[in-house]
Amino acid sequence: MLETHHHWLPVIMAIYLPLSFIITYSMAVAYKHVEPGFPYISDTGTIPPDSCVFGQLLNIGAVIGGFIIYIRYSHILYHFRSVPGRMGLLRLNTAAYIIGLLTVLGVSIVGNFQETNVIGVHLLGAFMGFVVGFVYFVLQTVISYKVRDTDIPGNTPNIRKFRVLLNVIDFIFLVLVAVMTSKAQEKGPEDGVPVSKWTSEYPGYPEHLVATISEWLVAFTSVTYFATFYTEFKHFRVKAPEIVYYDVSDNACTAETTGEERRGFAQSSGPNYRTIQDLNCYGNESRPEVETALV
């Protein structure tokens, strides 16, 4: 199914992650773990049972994001791995792939290491998810412009401009989160009052509110960027992985095991497999391989 419907993954990501935040927010408010309004996203997943749901949903989101990042990497690699003079682009694509994987790893870390339990690791995950994620989106925007002279379906001028706009918006809100969080913490809340219970009656609440709203907007901007891959993903399909068997015998051809017997063995593997390459006999010179793939 992924082979022909993978282009929906970016759209699913853009819907799934905000929905996950809304679910955990609703649970946290219902259990009175946070004050209604705009708490930090992480505040909605610090106390069970909402923390359990928060972690599980973010782990699933990280997996979906990982698939998208891998498909995007393979997409660019497919077009340019055999094109002379594109080594710089391929290296940039590899760098973006690694940074993208670090981004979704950060998302998973945020979900699994709550701020009330392991604050250092949680903040590291948040940095990877938001800041490193911003770097990934910038690199993808650069790649989009570097390949604009190539006829890649879906990489339209409007998509490229929209990605630049998302990068600018993401940067502005990231700066607001950092600056306003610092200013809010300088003013309040009072000693003994957790951030999740910060209300308008405590000093620093306006700055706190700007910081939390900006964090939510950073998250929404990030998943919106993922959704822009839909226009390119819908023009190709993803093949299922192939299974390759290696002959481990020193003598590939023996009187007891003929080529016909080997082909019969491959065919007896079941109706779900078909032989792509018959096993050839090369004596002691090499070890042949048989490739099979799902039908």
C-alpha atoms as a PDB file:
ATOM      1  CA  MET A   1       0.000   0.000   0.000  1.00  0.00           C
ATOM      2  CA  LEU A   2       2.889   2.383   0.756  1.00  0.00           C
ATOM      3  CA  GLU A   3       4.075   1.857  -2.818  1.00  0.00           C
ATOM      4  CA  THR A   4       1.155   3.791  -4.308  1.00  0.00           C
ATOM      5  CA  HIS A   5      -0.138   5.877  -1.384  1.00  0.00           C
ATOM      6  CA  HIS A   6       3.091   7.230   0.105  1.00  0.00           C
ATOM      7  CA  HIS A   7       2.295  10.749  -1.169  1.00  0.00           C
ATOM      8  CA  TRP A   8      -0.368  11.004   1.522  1.00  0.00           C
ATOM      9  CA  LEU A   9       2.206  10.647   4.309  1.00  0.00           C
ATOM     10  CA  PRO A  10       3.066  14.394   4.356  1.00  0.00           C
ATOM     11  CA  VAL A  11      -0.641  15.248   4.563  1.00  0.00           C
ATOM     12  CA  ILE A  12      -1.190  12.648   7.278  1.00  0.00           C
ATOM     13  CA  MET A  13       1.732  14.141   9.203  1.00  0.00           C
ATOM     14  CA  ALA A  14       0.270  17.648   8.914  1.00  0.00           C
ATOM     15  CA  ILE A  15      -3.023  16.428  10.390  1.00  0.00           C
ATOM     16  CA  TYR A  16      -1.785  13.789  12.815  1.00  0.00           C
ATOM     17  CA  LEU A  17       0.699  15.791  14.892  1.00  0.00           C
ATOM     18  CA  PRO A  18      -1.561  18.787  15.651  1.00  0.00           C
ATOM     19  CA  LEU A  19      -4.373  16.348  16.428  1.00  0.00           C
ATOM     20  CA  SER A  20      -2.042  14.538  18.850  1.00  0.00           C
ATOM     21  CA  PHE A  21      -1.308  17.805  20.653  1.00  0.00           C
ATOM     22  CA  ILE A  22      -5.014  18.638  20.858  1.00  0.00           C
ATOM     23  CA  ILE A  23      -5.780  15.194  22.315  1.00  0.00           C
ATOM     24  CA  THR A  24      -3.146  15.451  25.052  1.00  0.00           C
ATOM     25  CA  TYR A  25      -4.088  19.082  25.729  1.00  0.00           C
ATOM     26  CA  SER A  26      -7.721  18.058  26.217  1.00  0.00           C
ATOM     27  CA  MET A  27      -6.683  15.248  28.567  1.00  0.00           C
ATOM     28  CA  ALA A  28      -4.383  17.508  30.588  1.00  0.00           C
ATOM     29  CA  VAL A  29      -7.104  20.142  30.995  1.00  0.00           C
ATOM     30  CA  ALA A  30      -9.708  17.511  31.898  1.00  0.00           C
ATOM     31  CA  TYR A  31      -7.436  16.077  34.600  1.00  0.00           C
ATOM     32  CA  LYS A  32      -6.533  19.625  35.731  1.00  0.00           C
ATOM     33  CA  HIS A  33      -2.841  19.041  35.041  1.00  0.00           C
ATOM     34  CA  VAL A  34      -2.597  22.349  33.146  1.00  0.00           C
ATOM     35  CA  GLU A  35      -4.549  25.578  33.065  1.00  0.00           C
ATOM     36  CA  PRO A  36      -6.806  26.114  30.044  1.00  0.00           C
ATOM     37  CA  GLY A  37      -5.372  28.495  27.499  1.00  0.00           C
ATOM     38  CA  PHE A  38      -1.987  28.005  25.863  1.00  0.00           C
ATOM     39  CA  PRO A  39       0.374  25.923  28.003  1.00  0.00           C
ATOM     40  CA  TYR A  40       3.657  24.739  26.552  1.00  0.00           C
ATOM     41  CA  ILE A  41       3.111  21.660  24.413  1.00  0.00           C
ATOM     42  CA  SER A  42       5.304  19.611  26.730  1.00  0.00           C
ATOM     43  CA  ASP A  43       3.246  20.663  29.770  1.00  0.00           C
ATOM     44  CA  THR A  44       0.314  18.696  28.352  1.00  0.00           C
ATOM     45  CA  GLY A  45       2.322  15.474  28.559  1.00  0.00           C
ATOM     46  CA  THR A  46       4.112  15.494  31.905  1.00  0.00           C
ATOM     47  CA  ILE A  47       1.717  13.638  34.231  1.00  0.00           C
ATOM     48  CA  PRO A  48       0.053  10.234  33.672  1.00  0.00           C
ATOM     49  CA  PRO A  49      -2.157   9.299  31.960  1.00  0.00           C
ATOM     50  CA  ASP A  50      -1.728  12.160  29.476  1.00  0.00           C
ATOM     51  CA  SER A  51       2.067  11.702  29.519  1.00  0.00           C
ATOM     52  CA  CYS A  52       1.630   8.071  28.384  1.00  0.00           C
ATOM     53  CA  VAL A  53      -0.586   9.076  25.485  1.00  0.00           C
ATOM     54  CA  PHE A  54       1.696  12.012  24.658  1.00  0.00           C
ATOM     55  CA  GLY A  55       4.751   9.767  24.408  1.00  0.00           C
ATOM     56  CA  GLN A  56       3.007   7.126  22.306  1.00  0.00           C
ATOM     57  CA  LEU A  57       1.547   9.646  19.857  1.00  0.00           C
ATOM     58  CA  LEU A  58       4.864  11.433  19.400  1.00  0.00           C
ATOM     59  CA  ASN A  59       6.672   8.143  18.803  1.00  0.00           C
ATOM     60  CA  ILE A  60       4.217   7.304  16.020  1.00  0.00           C
ATOM     61  CA  GLY A  61       4.642  10.802  14.596  1.00  0.00           C
ATOM     62  CA  ALA A  62       8.425  10.379  14.634  1.00  0.00           C
ATOM     63  CA  VAL A  63       8.115   7.153  12.623  1.00  0.00           C
ATOM     64  CA  ILE A  64       5.878   8.834  10.042  1.00  0.00           C
ATOM     65  CA  GLY A  65       8.337  11.713   9.825  1.00  0.00           C
ATOM     66  CA  GLY A  66      11.219   9.281   9.386  1.00  0.00           C
ATOM     67  CA  PHE A  67       9.469   7.661   6.410  1.00  0.00           C
ATOM     68  CA  ILE A  68       8.890  11.078   4.810  1.00  0.00           C
ATOM     69  CA  ILE A  69      12.503  12.129   5.310  1.00  0.00           C
ATOM     70  CA  TYR A  70      13.814   8.884   3.827  1.00  0.00           C
ATOM     71  CA  ILE A  71      11.514   9.113   0.786  1.00  0.00           C
ATOM     72  CA  ARG A  72      12.573  12.720   0.192  1.00  0.00           C
ATOM     73  CA  TYR A  73      16.235  11.735   0.403  1.00  0.00           C
ATOM     74  CA  SER A  74      15.706   8.843  -2.037  1.00  0.00           C
ATOM     75  CA  HIS A  75      13.723  11.125  -4.350  1.00  0.00           C
ATOM     76  CA  ILE A  76      16.600  13.582  -4.805  1.00  0.00           C
ATOM     77  CA  LEU A  77      19.141  10.758  -4.953  1.00  0.00           C
ATOM     78  CA  TYR A  78      17.207   9.068  -7.769  1.00  0.00           C
ATOM     79  CA  HIS A  79      17.346  12.168  -9.966  1.00  0.00           C
ATOM     80  CA  PHE A  80      20.976  13.171  -9.463  1.00  0.00           C
ATOM     81  CA  ARG A  81      23.165  10.219  -8.409  1.00  0.00           C
ATOM     82  CA  SER A  82      24.206   9.625 -12.042  1.00  0.00           C
ATOM     83  CA  VAL A  83      24.342  13.281 -13.124  1.00  0.00           C
ATOM     84  CA  PRO A  84      27.891  14.682 -13.516  1.00  0.00           C
ATOM     85  CA  GLY A  85      28.735  17.801 -11.526  1.00  0.00           C
ATOM     86  CA  ARG A  86      26.062  17.257  -8.874  1.00  0.00           C
ATOM     87  CA  MET A  87      28.269  15.903  -6.096  1.00  0.00           C
ATOM     88  CA  GLY A  88      27.669  19.029  -4.006  1.00  0.00           C
ATOM     89  CA  LEU A  89      23.924  18.557  -4.254  1.00  0.00           C
ATOM     90  CA  LEU A  90      24.183  14.889  -3.295  1.00  0.00           C
ATOM     91  CA  ARG A  91      26.259  15.785  -0.231  1.00  0.00           C
ATOM     92  CA  LEU A  92      23.725  18.428   0.721  1.00  0.00           C
ATOM     93  CA  ASN A  93      20.970  15.839   0.303  1.00  0.00           C
ATOM     94  CA  THR A  94      22.829  13.416   2.585  1.00  0.00           C
ATOM     95  CA  ALA A  95      23.395  16.151   5.188  1.00  0.00           C
ATOM     96  CA  ALA A  96      19.690  17.046   5.082  1.00  0.00           C
ATOM     97  CA  TYR A  97      18.798  13.364   5.498  1.00  0.00           C
ATOM     98  CA  ILE A  98      20.953  13.010   8.616  1.00  0.00           C
ATOM     99  CA  ILE A  99      19.653  16.266  10.088  1.00  0.00           C
ATOM    100  CA  GLY A 100      16.093  15.171   9.336  1.00  0.00           C
ATOM    101  CA  LEU A 101      16.589  11.908  11.199  1.00  0.00           C
ATOM    102  CA  LEU A 102      17.984  13.853  14.168  1.00  0.00           C
ATOM    103  CA  THR A 103      14.848  15.996  14.048  1.00  0.00           C
ATOM    104  CA  VAL A 104      12.413  13.089  14.353  1.00  0.00           C
ATOM    105  CA  LEU A 105      14.660  11.508  16.991  1.00  0.00           C
ATOM    106  CA  GLY A 106      14.254  14.729  18.959  1.00  0.00           C
ATOM    107  CA  VAL A 107      10.478  14.484  18.645  1.00  0.00           C
ATOM    108  CA  SER A 108      10.599  10.990  20.103  1.00  0.00           C
ATOM    109  CA  ILE A 109      12.884  12.136  22.928  1.00  0.00           C
ATOM    110  CA  VAL A 110      10.456  14.929  23.841  1.00  0.00           C
ATOM    111  CA  GLY A 111       7.665  12.397  24.164  1.00  0.00           C
ATOM    112  CA  ASN A 112       9.641   9.842  26.184  1.00  0.00           C
ATOM    113  CA  PHE A 113      11.568  12.128  28.563  1.00  0.00           C
ATOM    114  CA  GLN A 114       9.117  14.399  30.339  1.00  0.00           C
ATOM    115  CA  GLU A 115      10.347  17.802  31.485  1.00  0.00           C
ATOM    116  CA  THR A 116       9.377  17.086  35.094  1.00  0.00           C
ATOM    117  CA  ASN A 117      11.517  13.925  35.172  1.00  0.00           C
ATOM    118  CA  VAL A 118      14.597  14.485  32.985  1.00  0.00           C
ATOM    119  CA  ILE A 119      14.620  18.162  32.074  1.00  0.00           C
ATOM    120  CA  GLY A 120      18.069  18.135  30.427  1.00  0.00           C
ATOM    121  CA  VAL A 121      17.270  15.324  28.013  1.00  0.00           C
ATOM    122  CA  HIS A 122      13.820  16.793  27.356  1.00  0.00           C
ATOM    123  CA  LEU A 123      15.292  20.174  26.403  1.00  0.00           C
ATOM    124  CA  LEU A 124      17.822  18.440  24.156  1.00  0.00           C
ATOM    125  CA  GLY A 125      14.950  16.698  22.372  1.00  0.00           C
ATOM    126  CA  ALA A 126      13.064  19.987  22.022  1.00  0.00           C
ATOM    127  CA  PHE A 127      16.173  21.621  20.543  1.00  0.00           C
ATOM    128  CA  MET A 128      16.523  18.769  18.051  1.00  0.00           C
ATOM    129  CA  GLY A 129      12.850  18.838  17.148  1.00  0.00           C
ATOM    130  CA  PHE A 130      12.533  22.609  16.694  1.00  0.00           C
ATOM    131  CA  VAL A 131      15.958  24.123  15.964  1.00  0.00           C
ATOM    132  CA  VAL A 132      17.533  21.184  14.128  1.00  0.00           C
ATOM    133  CA  GLY A 133      14.184  20.729  12.385  1.00  0.00           C
ATOM    134  CA  PHE A 134      14.370  24.350  11.211  1.00  0.00           C
ATOM    135  CA  VAL A 135      17.808  23.638   9.724  1.00  0.00           C
ATOM    136  CA  TYR A 136      16.340  20.620   7.896  1.00  0.00           C
ATOM    137  CA  PHE A 137      13.594  22.749   6.360  1.00  0.00           C
ATOM    138  CA  VAL A 138      16.103  25.401   5.283  1.00  0.00           C
ATOM    139  CA  LEU A 139      18.252  22.749   3.598  1.00  0.00           C
ATOM    140  CA  GLN A 140      15.217  21.335   1.801  1.00  0.00           C
ATOM    141  CA  THR A 141      14.346  24.817   0.576  1.00  0.00           C
ATOM    142  CA  VAL A 142      17.898  25.270  -0.709  1.00  0.00           C
ATOM    143  CA  ILE A 143      17.679  21.890  -2.469  1.00  0.00           C
ATOM    144  CA  SER A 144      14.368  22.920  -4.042  1.00  0.00           C
ATOM    145  CA  TYR A 145      16.045  25.959  -5.599  1.00  0.00           C
ATOM    146  CA  LYS A 146      19.177  24.091  -6.638  1.00  0.00           C
ATOM    147  CA  VAL A 147      17.111  21.632  -8.693  1.00  0.00           C
ATOM    148  CA  ARG A 148      14.735  24.209 -10.186  1.00  0.00           C
ATOM    149  CA  ASP A 149      16.486  23.909 -13.577  1.00  0.00           C
ATOM    150  CA  THR A 150      15.613  20.198 -13.614  1.00  0.00           C
ATOM    151  CA  ASP A 151      12.236  18.946 -14.680  1.00  0.00           C
ATOM    152  CA  ILE A 152      11.177  17.450 -11.332  1.00  0.00           C
ATOM    153  CA  PRO A 153       7.366  17.233 -11.262  1.00  0.00           C
ATOM    154  CA  GLY A 154       5.816  19.097  -8.367  1.00  0.00           C
ATOM    155  CA  ASN A 155       8.752  21.406  -7.656  1.00  0.00           C
ATOM    156  CA  THR A 156       6.851  24.472  -8.812  1.00  0.00           C
ATOM    157  CA  PRO A 157       7.835  28.132  -8.268  1.00  0.00           C
ATOM    158  CA  ASN A 158       4.856  28.605  -5.926  1.00  0.00           C
ATOM    159  CA  ILE A 159       5.930  25.641  -3.787  1.00  0.00           C
ATOM    160  CA  ARG A 160       9.462  27.010  -3.541  1.00  0.00           C
ATOM    161  CA  LYS A 161       8.207  30.460  -2.535  1.00  0.00           C
ATOM    162  CA  PHE A 162       5.830  28.944   0.004  1.00  0.00           C
ATOM    163  CA  ARG A 163       8.715  26.988   1.548  1.00  0.00           C
ATOM    164  CA  VAL A 164      10.746  30.187   1.885  1.00  0.00           C
ATOM    165  CA  LEU A 165       7.768  31.846   3.580  1.00  0.00           C
ATOM    166  CA  LEU A 166       7.445  28.919   6.007  1.00  0.00           C
ATOM    167  CA  ASN A 167      11.162  29.175   6.816  1.00  0.00           C
ATOM    168  CA  VAL A 168      10.787  32.871   7.653  1.00  0.00           C
ATOM    169  CA  ILE A 169       7.698  32.280   9.790  1.00  0.00           C
ATOM    170  CA  ASP A 170       9.367  29.363  11.575  1.00  0.00           C
ATOM    171  CA  PHE A 171      12.454  31.467  12.352  1.00  0.00           C
ATOM    172  CA  ILE A 172      10.397  34.375  13.728  1.00  0.00           C
ATOM    173  CA  PHE A 173       8.407  32.158  16.067  1.00  0.00           C
ATOM    174  CA  LEU A 174      11.536  30.272  17.195  1.00  0.00           C
ATOM    175  CA  VAL A 175      13.109  33.586  18.186  1.00  0.00           C
ATOM    176  CA  LEU A 176       9.929  34.616  19.999  1.00  0.00           C
ATOM    177  CA  VAL A 177       9.888  31.335  21.939  1.00  0.00           C
ATOM    178  CA  ALA A 178      13.495  31.797  23.086  1.00  0.00           C
ATOM    179  CA  VAL A 179      13.245  35.499  23.936  1.00  0.00           C
ATOM    180  CA  MET A 180       9.822  35.496  25.564  1.00  0.00           C
ATOM    181  CA  THR A 181      10.465  32.351  27.593  1.00  0.00           C
ATOM    182  CA  SER A 182      13.543  34.009  29.077  1.00  0.00           C
ATOM    183  CA  LYS A 183      11.712  37.271  29.827  1.00  0.00           C
ATOM    184  CA  ALA A 184       8.724  35.440  31.341  1.00  0.00           C
ATOM    185  CA  GLN A 185      10.930  33.392  33.664  1.00  0.00           C
ATOM    186  CA  GLU A 186      12.623  36.576  34.889  1.00  0.00           C
ATOM    187  CA  LYS A 187       9.262  37.870  36.127  1.00  0.00           C
ATOM    188  CA  GLY A 188       7.392  34.822  37.343  1.00  0.00           C
ATOM    189  CA  PRO A 189       5.520  32.800  38.245  1.00  0.00           C
ATOM    190  CA  GLU A 190       5.802  32.919  42.021  1.00  0.00           C
ATOM    191  CA  ASP A 191       7.893  30.410  43.943  1.00  0.00           C
ATOM    192  CA  GLY A 192       6.171  27.050  44.216  1.00  0.00           C
ATOM    193  CA  VAL A 193       3.883  27.667  41.234  1.00  0.00           C
ATOM    194  CA  PRO A 194       4.626  25.300  38.323  1.00  0.00           C
ATOM    195  CA  VAL A 195       4.755  26.692  34.793  1.00  0.00           C
ATOM    196  CA  SER A 196       1.756  24.539  33.871  1.00  0.00           C
ATOM    197  CA  LYS A 197      -0.329  26.491  36.415  1.00  0.00           C
ATOM    198  CA  TRP A 198       0.790  29.926  35.225  1.00  0.00           C
ATOM    199  CA  THR A 199      -2.249  32.215  34.935  1.00  0.00           C
ATOM    200  CA  SER A 200      -2.884  35.918  34.434  1.00  0.00           C
ATOM    201  CA  GLU A 201      -2.801  36.548  38.190  1.00  0.00           C
ATOM    202  CA  TYR A 202       0.958  35.942  38.252  1.00  0.00           C
ATOM    203  CA  PRO A 203       3.625  38.317  36.898  1.00  0.00           C
ATOM    204  CA  GLY A 204       5.160  37.602  33.506  1.00  0.00           C
ATOM    205  CA  TYR A 205       2.029  35.989  32.126  1.00  0.00           C
ATOM    206  CA  PRO A 206       1.826  38.125  28.925  1.00  0.00           C
ATOM    207  CA  GLU A 207       5.378  37.138  27.976  1.00  0.00           C
ATOM    208  CA  HIS A 208       4.634  33.536  28.911  1.00  0.00           C
ATOM    209  CA  LEU A 209       1.563  33.550  26.682  1.00  0.00           C
ATOM    210  CA  VAL A 210       3.511  34.903  23.704  1.00  0.00           C
ATOM    211  CA  ALA A 211       6.129  32.185  24.210  1.00  0.00           C
ATOM    212  CA  THR A 212       3.625  29.325  24.417  1.00  0.00           C
ATOM    213  CA  ILE A 213       1.561  30.495  21.450  1.00  0.00           C
ATOM    214  CA  SER A 214       4.753  30.851  19.429  1.00  0.00           C
ATOM    215  CA  GLU A 215       5.757  27.301  20.332  1.00  0.00           C
ATOM    216  CA  TRP A 216       2.443  25.940  19.073  1.00  0.00           C
ATOM    217  CA  LEU A 217       2.845  27.941  15.861  1.00  0.00           C
ATOM    218  CA  VAL A 218       6.367  26.575  15.365  1.00  0.00           C
ATOM    219  CA  ALA A 219       4.939  23.055  15.561  1.00  0.00           C
ATOM    220  CA  PHE A 220       2.125  23.841  13.111  1.00  0.00           C
ATOM    221  CA  THR A 221       4.541  25.548  10.710  1.00  0.00           C
ATOM    222  CA  SER A 222       6.851  22.521  10.788  1.00  0.00           C
ATOM    223  CA  VAL A 223       4.157  20.001   9.861  1.00  0.00           C
ATOM    224  CA  THR A 224       2.868  22.376   7.177  1.00  0.00           C
ATOM    225  CA  TYR A 225       6.322  22.290   5.614  1.00  0.00           C
ATOM    226  CA  PHE A 226       6.190  18.494   5.536  1.00  0.00           C
ATOM    227  CA  ALA A 227       2.862  18.760   3.720  1.00  0.00           C
ATOM    228  CA  THR A 228       4.537  20.626   0.823  1.00  0.00           C
ATOM    229  CA  PHE A 229       6.260  17.369  -0.187  1.00  0.00           C
ATOM    230  CA  TYR A 230       2.884  16.067  -1.340  1.00  0.00           C
ATOM    231  CA  THR A 231       3.154  17.881  -4.674  1.00  0.00           C
ATOM    232  CA  GLU A 232       6.367  16.017  -5.522  1.00  0.00           C
ATOM    233  CA  PHE A 233       5.637  12.651  -3.897  1.00  0.00           C
ATOM    234  CA  LYS A 234       2.453  12.120  -5.926  1.00  0.00           C
ATOM    235  CA  HIS A 235       4.435  11.852  -9.174  1.00  0.00           C
ATOM    236  CA  PHE A 236       6.351   8.670  -8.306  1.00  0.00           C
ATOM    237  CA  ARG A 237       5.905   5.410  -6.456  1.00  0.00           C
ATOM    238  CA  VAL A 238       8.049   3.619  -3.899  1.00  0.00           C
ATOM    239  CA  LYS A 239       9.100   0.050  -4.631  1.00  0.00           C
ATOM    240  CA  ALA A 240       8.929  -2.596  -1.940  1.00  0.00           C
ATOM    241  CA  PRO A 241      12.357  -3.707  -0.646  1.00  0.00           C
ATOM    242  CA  GLU A 242      13.925  -6.758  -2.262  1.00  0.00           C
ATOM    243  CA  ILE A 243      15.273  -9.831  -0.480  1.00  0.00           C
ATOM    244  CA  VAL A 244      18.652 -11.085  -1.722  1.00  0.00           C
ATOM    245  CA  TYR A 245      20.026 -14.551  -0.887  1.00  0.00           C
ATOM    246  CA  TYR A 246      23.722 -15.360  -1.049  1.00  0.00           C
ATOM    247  CA  ASP A 247      25.114 -18.843  -1.730  1.00  0.00           C
ATOM    248  CA  VAL A 248      27.489 -19.605   1.148  1.00  0.00           C
ATOM    249  CA  SER A 249      28.850 -22.871  -0.234  1.00  0.00           C
ATOM    250  CA  ASP A 250      32.442 -22.989  -1.402  1.00  0.00           C
ATOM    251  CA  ASN A 251      31.495 -25.042  -4.445  1.00  0.00           C
ATOM    252  CA  ALA A 252      28.440 -23.550  -6.116  1.00  0.00           C
ATOM    253  CA  CYS A 253      28.101 -26.462  -8.559  1.00  0.00           C
ATOM    254  CA  THR A 254      28.048 -30.025  -7.286  1.00  0.00           C
ATOM    255  CA  ALA A 255      26.758 -33.263  -8.663  1.00  0.00           C
ATOM    256  CA  GLU A 256      24.210 -33.446  -5.883  1.00  0.00           C
ATOM    257  CA  THR A 257      22.854 -29.897  -6.408  1.00  0.00           C
ATOM    258  CA  THR A 258      22.238 -28.985 -10.015  1.00  0.00           C
ATOM    259  CA  GLY A 259      20.985 -25.731 -11.432  1.00  0.00           C
ATOM    260  CA  GLU A 260      17.555 -27.235 -12.034  1.00  0.00           C
ATOM    261  CA  GLU A 261      17.332 -28.400  -8.414  1.00  0.00           C
ATOM    262  CA  ARG A 262      18.281 -24.929  -7.182  1.00  0.00           C
ATOM    263  CA  ARG A 263      15.641 -23.290  -9.348  1.00  0.00           C
ATOM    264  CA  GLY A 264      13.112 -25.811  -8.070  1.00  0.00           C
ATOM    265  CA  PHE A 265      14.055 -24.847  -4.507  1.00  0.00           C
ATOM    266  CA  ALA A 266      13.533 -21.182  -5.285  1.00  0.00           C
ATOM    267  CA  GLN A 267      10.135 -21.904  -6.771  1.00  0.00           C
ATOM    268  CA  SER A 268       9.139 -23.972  -3.741  1.00  0.00           C
ATOM    269  CA  SER A 269       9.574 -20.952  -1.465  1.00  0.00           C
ATOM    270  CA  GLY A 270       5.878 -20.259  -1.854  1.00  0.00           C
ATOM    271  CA  PRO A 271       3.371 -18.320  -3.970  1.00  0.00           C
ATOM    272  CA  ASN A 272       4.358 -14.998  -2.416  1.00  0.00           C
ATOM    273  CA  TYR A 273       7.807 -15.013  -4.040  1.00  0.00           C
ATOM    274  CA  ARG A 274       9.073 -15.144  -7.585  1.00  0.00           C
ATOM    275  CA  THR A 275      12.629 -15.669  -8.867  1.00  0.00           C
ATOM    276  CA  ILE A 276      14.086 -12.572 -10.486  1.00  0.00           C
ATOM    277  CA  GLN A 277      17.524 -13.974 -11.267  1.00  0.00           C
ATOM    278  CA  ASP A 278      18.180 -17.713 -11.657  1.00  0.00           C
ATOM    279  CA  LEU A 279      21.087 -19.091  -9.677  1.00  0.00           C
ATOM    280  CA  ASN A 280      24.041 -19.623 -11.977  1.00  0.00           C
ATOM    281  CA  CYS A 281      26.981 -21.912 -11.236  1.00  0.00           C
ATOM    282  CA  TYR A 282      30.425 -20.362 -11.179  1.00  0.00           C
ATOM    283  CA  GLY A 283      32.429 -23.146  -9.576  1.00  0.00           C
ATOM    284  CA  ASN A 284      34.901 -21.979  -6.937  1.00  0.00           C
ATOM    285  CA  GLU A 285      35.482 -18.595  -8.573  1.00  0.00           C
ATOM    286  CA  SER A 286      32.587 -16.688  -6.946  1.00  0.00           C
ATOM    287  CA  ARG A 287      29.514 -17.044  -4.806  1.00  0.00           C
ATOM    288  CA  PRO A 288      26.370 -16.377  -6.846  1.00  0.00           C
ATOM    289  CA  GLU A 289      23.261 -14.761  -5.496  1.00  0.00           C
ATOM    290  CA  VAL A 290      19.553 -15.177  -6.022  1.00  0.00           C
ATOM    291  CA  GLU A 291      17.331 -12.118  -5.813  1.00  0.00           C
ATOM    292  CA  THR A 292      13.704 -12.446  -4.851  1.00  0.00           C
ATOM    293  CA  ALA A 293      11.063  -9.804  -4.410  1.00  0.00           C
ATOM    294  CA  LEU A 294       7.541  -9.677  -3.109  1.00  0.00           C
ATOM    295  CA  VAL A 295       4.942 -10.103  -5.821  1.00  0.00           C
END
